[in-house]
Protein backbone atom coordinates (compact mmCIF):
# COMPACT_ATOMS: atom_id res chain seq x y z
CA MET A 1 60.32 10.48 -20.76
CA THR A 2 62.56 11.61 -17.88
CA THR A 3 63.83 9.25 -15.23
CA ASP A 4 61.42 10.78 -12.68
CA ALA A 5 58.49 10.35 -15.06
CA LYS A 6 59.40 6.74 -15.68
CA ALA A 7 59.55 6.06 -11.92
CA ALA A 8 56.22 7.74 -11.44
CA ALA A 9 54.66 5.67 -14.29
CA ARG A 10 56.00 2.47 -12.66
CA LEU A 11 54.43 3.42 -9.37
CA LEU A 12 51.12 4.21 -11.00
CA ARG A 13 51.10 0.75 -12.62
CA ARG A 14 51.77 -0.78 -9.20
CA ALA A 15 48.92 1.36 -7.74
CA ASP A 16 46.60 -0.01 -10.42
CA ILE A 17 47.48 -3.62 -9.42
CA LEU A 18 46.91 -2.84 -5.72
CA SER A 19 43.64 -1.15 -6.49
CA GLY A 20 42.46 -4.09 -8.54
CA ARG A 21 43.11 -6.34 -5.57
CA GLY A 22 41.04 -4.10 -3.30
CA ARG A 23 44.08 -2.73 -1.39
CA LEU A 24 42.96 0.85 -1.84
CA GLN A 25 44.92 2.44 1.00
CA GLU A 26 48.19 0.91 -0.27
CA ALA A 27 47.29 2.07 -3.79
CA LEU A 28 46.80 5.61 -2.46
CA GLU A 29 50.16 5.61 -0.68
CA THR A 30 51.81 4.30 -3.84
CA CYS A 31 50.23 7.17 -5.83
CA ARG A 32 51.67 9.62 -3.26
CA GLN A 33 55.11 8.07 -3.80
CA ALA A 34 54.59 8.66 -7.55
CA LEU A 35 53.77 12.26 -6.76
CA ALA A 36 57.10 12.64 -4.98
CA ALA A 37 58.78 11.49 -8.14
CA ASP A 38 56.86 13.76 -10.54
CA ARG A 39 54.66 16.57 -9.34
CA GLY A 40 53.63 17.68 -12.79
CA MET A 41 51.81 14.56 -13.92
CA VAL A 42 48.06 15.19 -14.00
CA GLU A 43 47.24 11.50 -13.93
CA ILE A 44 48.73 11.14 -10.45
CA TYR A 45 46.40 13.79 -8.98
CA ARG A 46 43.46 12.23 -10.81
CA ARG A 47 44.25 8.79 -9.30
CA ILE A 48 44.83 10.17 -5.80
CA GLY A 49 41.45 11.98 -6.00
CA ALA A 50 39.57 8.85 -7.19
CA LEU A 51 41.17 6.64 -4.52
CA ALA A 52 40.64 9.14 -1.72
CA LEU A 53 36.97 9.34 -2.76
CA LEU A 54 36.64 5.54 -2.58
CA LEU A 55 38.26 5.59 0.84
CA HIS A 56 35.75 8.18 2.09
CA GLN A 57 38.39 10.94 2.32
CA PRO A 58 36.54 13.69 0.41
CA GLN A 59 38.73 16.55 1.55
CA ALA A 60 41.85 14.83 0.31
CA ALA A 61 40.04 14.02 -2.90
CA VAL A 62 39.04 17.65 -3.53
CA GLU A 63 42.55 18.91 -2.87
CA ALA A 64 44.11 16.48 -5.37
CA LEU A 65 41.43 16.97 -7.96
CA ASP A 66 41.67 20.76 -7.75
CA ILE A 67 45.33 20.46 -8.81
CA ALA A 68 44.38 18.01 -11.57
CA LEU A 69 41.89 20.57 -12.88
CA THR A 70 44.42 23.35 -12.72
CA LEU A 71 46.69 21.26 -14.94
CA ASP A 72 43.82 20.11 -17.21
CA PRO A 73 40.57 22.11 -16.81
CA GLY A 74 38.82 19.89 -19.38
CA ASP A 75 39.37 16.63 -17.45
CA ALA A 76 35.82 15.24 -17.32
CA VAL A 77 36.77 12.37 -14.89
CA ALA A 78 38.38 14.79 -12.45
CA LEU A 79 35.40 17.15 -12.69
CA SER A 80 32.95 14.29 -11.97
CA ASN A 81 34.95 12.92 -9.06
CA SER A 82 35.48 16.41 -7.71
CA GLY A 83 31.70 16.96 -7.80
CA ALA A 84 31.13 13.73 -5.90
CA ALA A 85 33.72 14.74 -3.28
CA LEU A 86 32.24 18.24 -2.85
CA ARG A 87 28.81 16.66 -2.32
CA ALA A 88 30.29 14.35 0.35
CA LEU A 89 31.66 17.45 2.10
CA GLY A 90 28.20 18.95 2.29
CA ARG A 91 28.84 21.47 -0.57
CA PRO A 92 26.10 20.46 -3.03
CA ARG A 93 25.93 23.78 -4.95
CA GLU A 94 29.61 23.56 -5.86
CA ALA A 95 29.10 19.87 -6.65
CA VAL A 96 26.34 20.71 -9.13
CA GLN A 97 28.61 23.17 -10.97
CA ARG A 98 31.45 20.59 -11.28
CA LEU A 99 29.15 17.78 -12.37
CA ARG A 100 27.33 19.86 -14.96
CA ALA A 101 30.74 20.90 -16.34
CA ALA A 102 31.73 17.23 -16.54
CA LEU A 103 28.57 16.29 -18.40
CA GLN A 104 29.12 19.07 -20.93
CA ILE A 105 32.40 17.34 -21.83
CA GLY A 106 31.10 13.81 -21.93
CA GLN A 107 28.13 11.70 -20.80
CA SER A 108 28.66 9.48 -17.80
CA PRO A 109 26.06 7.48 -15.79
CA SER A 110 28.18 8.06 -12.69
CA ALA A 111 28.20 11.80 -13.17
CA TRP A 112 24.44 11.83 -13.84
CA PHE A 113 23.89 9.84 -10.59
CA ASN A 114 26.12 12.16 -8.52
CA LEU A 115 24.37 15.18 -9.98
CA GLY A 116 21.00 13.69 -9.03
CA ILE A 117 22.20 13.14 -5.43
CA ALA A 118 23.51 16.76 -5.25
CA TYR A 119 20.16 18.02 -6.52
CA ALA A 120 18.42 15.96 -3.86
CA ASP A 121 20.59 17.52 -1.20
CA LEU A 122 19.22 20.86 -2.45
CA SER A 123 15.63 19.51 -2.43
CA CYS A 124 15.47 19.93 -6.21
CA TRP A 125 13.54 16.70 -6.52
CA GLU A 126 12.33 17.05 -10.10
CA ASP A 127 15.95 17.63 -11.25
CA ALA A 128 17.06 14.69 -9.21
CA VAL A 129 14.49 12.44 -10.90
CA LEU A 130 15.63 13.52 -14.33
CA CYS A 131 19.33 12.94 -13.50
CA HIS A 132 18.74 9.45 -12.09
CA ARG A 133 16.70 8.55 -15.14
CA ARG A 134 19.60 9.63 -17.32
CA ALA A 135 22.00 7.56 -15.20
CA LEU A 136 19.78 4.48 -15.61
CA HIS A 137 19.33 5.08 -19.32
CA GLY A 138 23.12 4.89 -19.74
CA ALA A 139 23.63 2.08 -17.17
CA PRO A 140 20.40 0.15 -16.49
CA ALA A 141 22.16 -1.92 -13.76
CA HIS A 142 23.41 1.18 -11.84
CA HIS A 143 22.29 -0.06 -8.41
CA LYS A 144 22.75 3.27 -6.60
CA ALA A 145 20.58 5.14 -9.13
CA THR A 146 18.05 2.27 -8.95
CA ALA A 147 17.63 3.14 -5.24
CA ALA A 148 17.97 6.92 -5.54
CA LEU A 149 15.36 7.43 -8.26
CA PRO A 150 12.45 5.96 -6.19
CA LEU A 151 13.65 7.97 -3.15
CA ALA A 152 13.33 11.18 -5.18
CA LEU A 153 9.83 10.06 -6.36
CA ILE A 154 8.83 9.41 -2.75
CA ALA A 155 9.97 12.97 -1.85
CA LEU A 156 7.67 14.24 -4.60
CA GLY A 157 4.67 12.30 -3.16
CA ARG A 158 4.80 9.68 -6.00
CA ALA A 159 5.07 6.66 -3.66
CA ALA A 160 2.94 4.40 -5.83
CA GLU A 161 5.24 5.01 -8.82
CA ALA A 162 8.23 4.39 -6.67
CA SER A 163 6.78 1.08 -5.42
CA ALA A 164 6.12 -0.20 -8.91
CA MET A 165 9.66 0.67 -9.94
CA LEU A 166 11.18 -1.02 -6.94
CA GLU A 167 9.14 -4.20 -7.29
CA HIS A 168 10.25 -4.42 -10.93
CA ALA A 169 13.93 -4.07 -9.86
CA LEU A 170 13.55 -6.58 -7.06
CA ALA A 171 12.18 -9.17 -9.43
CA SER A 172 15.66 -9.48 -10.92
CA ALA A 173 17.60 -8.63 -7.72
CA PRO A 174 15.53 -10.16 -4.83
CA GLN A 175 18.38 -9.89 -2.34
CA ALA A 176 19.08 -6.17 -2.86
CA ALA A 177 18.61 -5.06 0.76
CA GLN A 178 18.79 -1.29 0.00
CA LEU A 179 15.92 -1.64 -2.55
CA HIS A 180 13.79 -3.47 0.04
CA THR A 181 14.28 -0.69 2.63
CA VAL A 182 13.32 2.00 0.03
CA LEU A 183 10.25 -0.10 -0.88
CA ALA A 184 9.39 -0.13 2.86
CA GLN A 185 9.34 3.66 2.86
CA ALA A 186 7.16 3.75 -0.25
CA LEU A 187 4.67 1.26 1.15
CA LEU A 188 4.50 2.94 4.55
CA MET A 189 3.96 6.26 2.85
CA GLN A 190 0.90 4.70 1.18
CA GLY A 191 -0.40 3.23 4.44
CA ASP A 192 0.41 -0.37 3.45
CA PHE A 193 1.72 -1.45 6.85
CA GLU A 194 1.29 -5.17 6.29
CA ARG A 195 3.94 -5.22 3.55
CA GLY A 196 5.82 -2.11 4.63
CA TRP A 197 6.92 -3.36 8.04
CA ARG A 198 8.00 -6.72 6.59
CA GLU A 199 10.16 -4.94 4.01
CA PHE A 200 11.53 -2.71 6.74
CA GLU A 201 13.21 -5.76 8.37
CA TRP A 202 15.63 -5.76 5.49
CA ARG A 203 17.36 -2.76 7.11
CA TRP A 204 19.62 -5.11 8.98
CA ALA A 205 21.10 -6.41 5.72
CA VAL A 206 22.17 -2.90 4.69
CA PRO A 207 25.89 -2.45 5.64
CA GLU A 208 25.39 1.15 6.82
CA ASN A 209 22.94 -0.09 9.50
CA ALA A 210 25.34 -2.66 10.98
CA GLY A 211 26.29 -0.32 13.83
CA ASN A 212 22.62 -0.03 14.94
CA ARG A 213 22.13 -3.75 15.30
CA ARG A 214 22.41 -4.80 18.91
CA HIS A 215 21.59 -7.88 21.06
CA ALA A 216 21.48 -10.04 17.95
CA ASP A 217 22.99 -12.90 19.99
CA HIS A 218 19.47 -13.41 21.41
CA PRO A 219 16.48 -14.66 19.37
CA LEU A 220 14.39 -12.01 17.64
CA TRP A 221 10.78 -11.66 18.77
CA LEU A 222 8.29 -10.61 16.13
CA GLY A 223 5.00 -11.37 17.79
CA GLU A 224 5.19 -15.07 18.59
CA PRO A 225 3.57 -16.25 21.87
CA LEU A 226 5.84 -15.27 24.78
CA ASP A 227 4.60 -17.91 27.23
CA GLY A 228 5.87 -16.12 30.26
CA ARG A 229 9.37 -15.40 28.96
CA HIS A 230 11.39 -12.26 29.50
CA LEU A 231 11.55 -9.78 26.55
CA LEU A 232 14.02 -6.96 25.87
CA ILE A 233 12.84 -4.06 23.70
CA HIS A 234 15.63 -1.71 22.71
CA ALA A 235 15.89 1.66 21.02
CA GLU A 236 17.69 1.60 17.68
CA GLN A 237 17.25 4.96 16.02
CA GLY A 238 16.33 8.49 17.13
CA LEU A 239 14.64 9.83 20.26
CA GLY A 240 11.45 10.60 18.34
CA ASP A 241 11.27 7.00 17.05
CA THR A 242 11.47 5.74 20.64
CA LEU A 243 8.75 8.09 21.85
CA GLN A 244 6.53 7.11 18.89
CA MET A 245 6.93 3.34 19.08
CA CYS A 246 6.90 2.82 22.80
CA ARG A 247 3.12 3.09 22.53
CA TYR A 248 3.08 -0.60 21.56
CA VAL A 249 4.72 -1.79 24.80
CA PRO A 250 1.51 -1.85 27.00
CA ALA A 251 -0.23 -4.10 24.45
CA ILE A 252 2.35 -6.90 24.71
CA ARG A 253 0.75 -10.11 25.97
CA ASP A 254 1.92 -13.15 27.99
CA ALA A 255 5.35 -11.80 28.95
CA ALA A 256 6.53 -12.24 32.54
CA HIS A 257 8.90 -9.30 32.40
CA VAL A 258 9.61 -6.62 29.81
CA VAL A 259 12.82 -4.61 29.80
CA LEU A 260 12.79 -1.33 27.85
CA GLU A 261 16.31 -0.17 26.96
CA VAL A 262 16.22 3.45 25.79
CA GLN A 263 18.35 6.55 25.44
CA PRO A 264 19.42 7.89 28.86
CA GLY A 265 17.42 11.12 28.60
CA LEU A 266 14.17 9.16 28.18
CA VAL A 267 14.51 6.73 31.11
CA ARG A 268 12.59 8.76 33.72
CA LEU A 269 9.77 9.72 31.32
CA LEU A 270 9.27 6.20 29.91
CA ALA A 271 8.99 4.81 33.43
CA SER A 272 5.47 6.34 33.28
CA LEU A 273 4.53 3.96 30.46
CA ALA A 274 1.85 1.41 31.42
CA ALA A 275 3.28 -2.08 31.96
CA PRO A 276 1.97 -4.89 29.78
CA SER A 277 -0.92 -6.87 31.26
CA GLY A 278 0.34 -9.44 33.70
CA ALA A 279 4.01 -8.41 33.34
CA THR A 280 6.47 -6.18 35.08
CA LEU A 281 8.13 -3.33 33.16
CA GLN A 282 11.69 -2.16 33.78
CA VAL A 283 13.20 0.82 31.96
CA VAL A 284 16.97 1.04 31.76
CA ALA A 285 19.38 3.40 30.01
CA ARG A 286 21.14 2.17 26.90
CA GLY A 287 24.58 0.93 27.87
CA ALA A 288 23.63 0.10 31.46
CA PRO A 289 23.85 -3.47 32.69
CA LEU A 290 20.79 -5.53 31.59
CA PRO A 291 18.92 -8.21 33.49
CA GLN A 292 18.62 -11.64 31.89
CA PHE A 293 16.18 -11.90 29.04
CA ASP A 294 15.05 -14.58 26.55
CA LEU A 295 14.07 -12.63 23.46
CA GLN A 296 14.73 -9.23 22.03
CA CYS A 297 12.98 -6.81 19.68
CA PRO A 298 14.26 -3.55 18.22
CA MET A 299 11.88 -0.62 18.86
CA MET A 300 11.15 -0.06 15.16
CA SER A 301 10.08 -3.69 14.74
CA LEU A 302 7.27 -3.35 17.29
CA PRO A 303 4.61 -2.47 14.69
CA LEU A 304 5.36 -5.71 12.84
CA ALA A 305 5.34 -7.67 16.07
CA ALA A 306 2.01 -6.08 17.01
CA ALA A 307 0.54 -6.94 13.57
CA SER A 308 -0.20 -3.34 12.67
CA ARG A 309 -1.39 -4.06 9.13
CA HIS A 310 -3.09 -0.68 8.50
CA PRO A 311 -2.83 2.83 9.94
CA GLN A 312 -6.11 2.17 11.73
CA ASP A 313 -4.37 -0.58 13.76
CA VAL A 314 -1.97 1.91 15.43
CA PRO A 315 -2.69 2.40 19.17
CA ARG A 316 -3.50 6.10 19.26
CA ARG A 317 -5.07 6.67 22.64
CA VAL A 318 -3.24 9.57 24.30
CA PRO A 319 -1.67 10.35 26.65
CA TYR A 320 0.38 7.17 26.92
CA LEU A 321 3.21 9.03 28.65
CA GLN A 322 2.84 11.13 31.76
CA ALA A 323 4.73 13.98 33.38
CA ALA A 324 5.34 13.80 37.12
CA GLU A 325 2.99 16.17 38.98
CA GLU A 326 5.74 17.55 41.17
CA ASP A 327 7.71 18.50 38.05
CA VAL A 328 4.67 20.17 36.54
CA ALA A 329 4.17 22.13 39.74
CA ARG A 330 7.83 23.19 39.71
CA TRP A 331 7.51 24.51 36.15
CA GLY A 332 4.36 26.36 37.10
CA ARG A 333 6.39 28.23 39.69
CA ALA A 334 9.37 28.73 37.32
CA LEU A 335 7.38 30.43 34.57
CA PRO A 336 6.33 34.07 35.10
CA ALA A 337 2.65 34.72 35.72
CA GLY A 338 0.68 36.53 33.04
CA THR A 339 -2.27 36.45 30.79
CA GLY A 340 -2.50 35.00 27.29
CA ARG A 341 -1.66 31.67 25.75
CA LYS A 342 1.68 30.08 26.60
CA ILE A 343 3.17 28.48 23.50
CA GLY A 344 6.30 26.37 23.30
CA LEU A 345 8.61 26.79 20.34
CA CYS A 346 11.15 24.31 18.87
CA TRP A 347 12.72 25.29 15.53
CA SER A 348 15.58 22.89 15.00
CA SER A 349 15.92 19.11 14.84
CA GLY A 350 18.71 17.10 16.38
CA MET A 351 21.64 16.31 14.16
CA ARG A 352 24.12 13.49 14.04
CA PRO A 353 27.53 13.96 12.43
CA GLU A 354 27.04 11.86 9.29
CA LEU A 355 26.26 13.64 6.01
CA VAL A 356 22.70 12.27 5.53
CA SER A 357 21.73 13.38 9.03
CA ARG A 358 23.15 16.90 8.38
CA ILE A 359 21.23 17.18 5.12
CA ILE A 360 17.92 16.11 6.65
CA HIS A 361 18.52 18.37 9.64
CA ALA A 362 18.90 21.32 7.24
CA ARG A 363 15.61 20.45 5.55
CA LYS A 364 13.75 19.97 8.84
CA SER A 365 14.95 23.05 10.68
CA ILE A 366 13.80 26.68 10.53
CA PRO A 367 16.09 29.67 11.09
CA LEU A 368 14.72 31.34 14.21
CA ALA A 369 14.59 34.65 12.38
CA LEU A 370 11.84 33.30 10.13
CA LEU A 371 9.54 32.89 13.17
CA ALA A 372 9.50 36.67 13.74
CA PRO A 373 5.95 37.03 12.40
CA LEU A 374 4.65 35.08 15.39
CA GLY A 375 5.78 37.84 17.71
CA GLY A 376 3.17 40.25 16.39
CA ILE A 377 0.19 38.19 17.47
CA VAL A 378 -1.61 39.59 20.47
CA GLY A 379 -2.17 37.32 23.45
CA CYS A 380 0.70 34.88 22.85
CA ARG A 381 3.70 34.30 25.14
CA PHE A 382 6.45 32.10 23.82
CA VAL A 383 8.63 29.63 25.74
CA SER A 384 11.66 27.86 24.25
CA LEU A 385 11.58 24.05 24.01
CA GLN A 386 14.81 24.12 22.02
CA LYS A 387 17.88 22.19 23.21
CA GLY A 388 21.27 21.68 21.61
CA GLU A 389 23.32 23.96 19.44
CA ALA A 390 20.26 25.76 17.94
CA ALA A 391 19.38 27.05 21.44
CA GLU A 392 22.31 29.48 20.96
CA ASP A 393 20.03 31.35 18.47
CA LEU A 394 18.34 32.82 21.55
CA ARG A 395 21.34 34.99 22.20
CA ALA A 396 20.24 37.16 19.22
CA PRO A 397 16.47 36.48 18.73
CA PRO A 398 14.37 38.43 16.29
CA SER A 399 13.51 41.77 17.86
CA ALA A 400 9.80 41.23 17.34
CA LEU A 401 9.77 37.77 19.00
CA GLU A 402 10.24 37.56 22.76
CA ILE A 403 10.98 33.99 23.91
CA LEU A 404 11.48 32.92 27.49
CA ASP A 405 14.37 30.51 27.79
CA ARG A 406 14.63 28.19 30.82
CA SER A 407 16.40 25.33 28.97
CA ASP A 408 18.72 25.07 31.98
CA LEU A 409 15.84 23.35 33.77
CA MET A 410 15.12 20.87 30.93
CA THR A 411 17.59 18.30 32.16
CA ASP A 412 15.80 15.28 30.66
CA PHE A 413 12.65 14.50 28.68
CA ALA A 414 10.65 14.13 31.84
CA GLN A 415 11.32 17.80 32.65
CA THR A 416 10.46 18.84 29.07
CA ALA A 417 7.26 16.83 29.36
CA ALA A 418 6.36 18.69 32.55
CA LEU A 419 7.03 22.04 30.89
CA ILE A 420 4.76 21.07 27.99
CA ARG A 421 2.02 20.21 30.47
CA THR A 422 1.99 23.88 31.60
CA LEU A 423 1.63 25.18 28.01
CA ASP A 424 -1.47 25.77 25.90
CA LEU A 425 0.21 24.81 22.62
CA VAL A 426 3.48 23.46 21.19
CA ILE A 427 4.74 24.65 17.76
CA THR A 428 7.66 22.54 16.56
CA VAL A 429 9.48 21.19 13.56
CA ASP A 430 9.72 17.41 12.97
CA THR A 431 11.80 16.43 15.91
CA ALA A 432 11.48 14.55 19.22
CA VAL A 433 9.48 17.44 20.74
CA ALA A 434 6.63 16.78 18.30
CA HIS A 435 6.47 13.13 19.36
CA LEU A 436 6.73 14.05 23.02
CA ALA A 437 3.86 16.58 22.84
CA GLY A 438 1.75 14.05 20.89
CA ALA A 439 2.42 11.27 23.36
CA LEU A 440 1.38 13.55 26.18
CA GLY A 441 -1.89 14.40 24.35
CA ALA A 442 -0.90 18.09 24.21
CA PRO A 443 -1.98 20.30 21.30
CA VAL A 444 0.91 20.40 18.88
CA TRP A 445 1.34 22.15 15.51
CA LEU A 446 3.98 20.42 13.34
CA LEU A 447 5.91 22.58 10.91
CA ASN A 448 6.91 20.09 8.28
CA ARG A 449 9.19 20.04 5.24
CA TYR A 450 7.89 19.39 1.72
CA ASP A 451 9.49 15.95 1.52
CA ALA A 452 7.97 14.88 4.86
CA ASP A 453 8.71 11.57 6.50
CA TRP A 454 6.33 8.64 5.71
CA ARG A 455 4.61 8.87 9.07
CA TRP A 456 3.13 12.27 8.19
CA SER A 457 1.83 11.24 4.73
CA GLU A 458 -1.64 11.74 3.39
CA ALA A 459 -2.40 8.03 3.92
CA HIS A 460 -2.20 8.61 7.71
CA ARG A 461 -4.64 11.56 7.97
CA ASP A 462 -7.61 9.35 8.85
CA ALA A 463 -5.69 7.51 11.57
CA PRO A 464 -3.00 9.84 12.87
CA TRP A 465 -0.28 8.78 15.21
CA TYR A 466 -1.23 11.71 17.43
CA PRO A 467 -4.80 12.86 17.54
CA THR A 468 -3.83 16.25 18.95
CA LEU A 469 -1.37 17.06 16.12
CA ARG A 470 -2.01 19.49 13.32
CA GLN A 471 0.37 19.63 10.38
CA PHE A 472 1.54 22.74 8.49
CA ARG A 473 3.58 21.45 5.51
CA GLN A 474 5.70 23.34 3.03
CA PRO A 475 3.82 23.90 -0.26
CA ALA A 476 7.20 23.83 -2.08
CA PRO A 477 10.71 22.68 -1.08
CA GLY A 478 12.26 25.20 1.37
CA ASP A 479 9.19 27.43 1.69
CA TRP A 480 9.28 28.02 5.41
CA ALA A 481 8.05 31.57 5.04
CA GLY A 482 4.72 30.24 3.65
CA VAL A 483 4.44 27.82 6.55
CA VAL A 484 5.05 30.51 9.15
CA GLN A 485 2.50 32.78 7.53
CA ARG A 486 -0.16 30.07 7.74
CA VAL A 487 0.74 29.40 11.34
CA ALA A 488 0.53 33.09 12.21
CA GLN A 489 -2.89 33.32 10.58
CA ALA A 490 -4.06 30.23 12.51
CA LEU A 491 -2.80 31.67 15.81
CA ALA A 492 -4.46 34.99 15.18
CA SER A 493 -7.78 33.37 14.46
CA ALA A 494 -7.65 30.74 17.20
């Protein structure tokens, strides 16, 4: 062994010690020092890739592991870790190729799990189920696969099977917060609100949700008598969740004052919400100074606080939000006169930067070009309700589909609500616009993905969140063309 190789080996041993003590960043820097000593040692690149992956640096991991695989194409560990890193970069098809190659060399529960996750990113749910089962066969205590398998089953509509599996796992790991939150989804999917909302409270014990927890220095209210105290209700998740769950606010009893802290774009619209009986209601933007309050409740905990034990308990009288009449009149003047039905279109959901949000956004959203068949229907005029980056699609719309775009006037959700009031129908993917139209009592057609969210499940058909909503769901993962064809047929026959 050369002097350089001996120095590199010493540094790798030190990196192992640091890694064993949880000092991953120091271990990574030590591996890079080893690399400066000997650039031809495959083990250094393998270690750098593994550590970078643990430190959530997938790009650095891929770069190191690509070199490791150039030096040793049959390195199963490098192939497996490379697949995991590619998946974290939002490149699931490449991840599948690497992980399948790793599994051809040797069986690994970790590789099976990562392959299952990559298949889930591609909406290949049956393949995901098979992979997670293989992971658990090799490592029955693989906690990530224990949560991922029931999630894949839920996506396939097998919520009861997922529930049974989760309850079995929780019997031996009762404090596993992630399993409780997945169980909540399975129970809500089946319409079991009584247990589902209780299980959903475990979300605060999941480390990834720590950033969403706010105002925890005040006591949590979950339906106890208020006795004239002041209550803060605060948005915690997306815009659609706020629009959906604010319906519970007017039913609050015995508060003296209720403060509703919501996303800035919703403040003016939610000011139209009816105040609770005997209380005053104040709507403030998230991040603005708050008045004094005694108790707090996150928005998604309202169904539990309101004792919604079954879908039939959901307050579903609409409209519960109102557009200002002066805004409606302004939109009436802004839209060109003409005959035929005015139909609002929204084809893309909002997207946050994290990987899971990007994946779900891709499943929810429809390329504008696929909506071209709607343009051939006589008597329909289309108006864009799309905001955000996807609104740029209107610069090159399908030639057959003419869409009026006045998004410059949609400065907040109150303005969007007023525009919807002037329309005959809203056609949208699963995004805040669907909840807004439903809360306004407007006719809305929801174009939904195959693995639809729990709130649109079969268990909720008899007691829908929005009585004016009609759902068009993918018959198979990714089949938007079939959805659009059914929508076009429904429009033509309406």
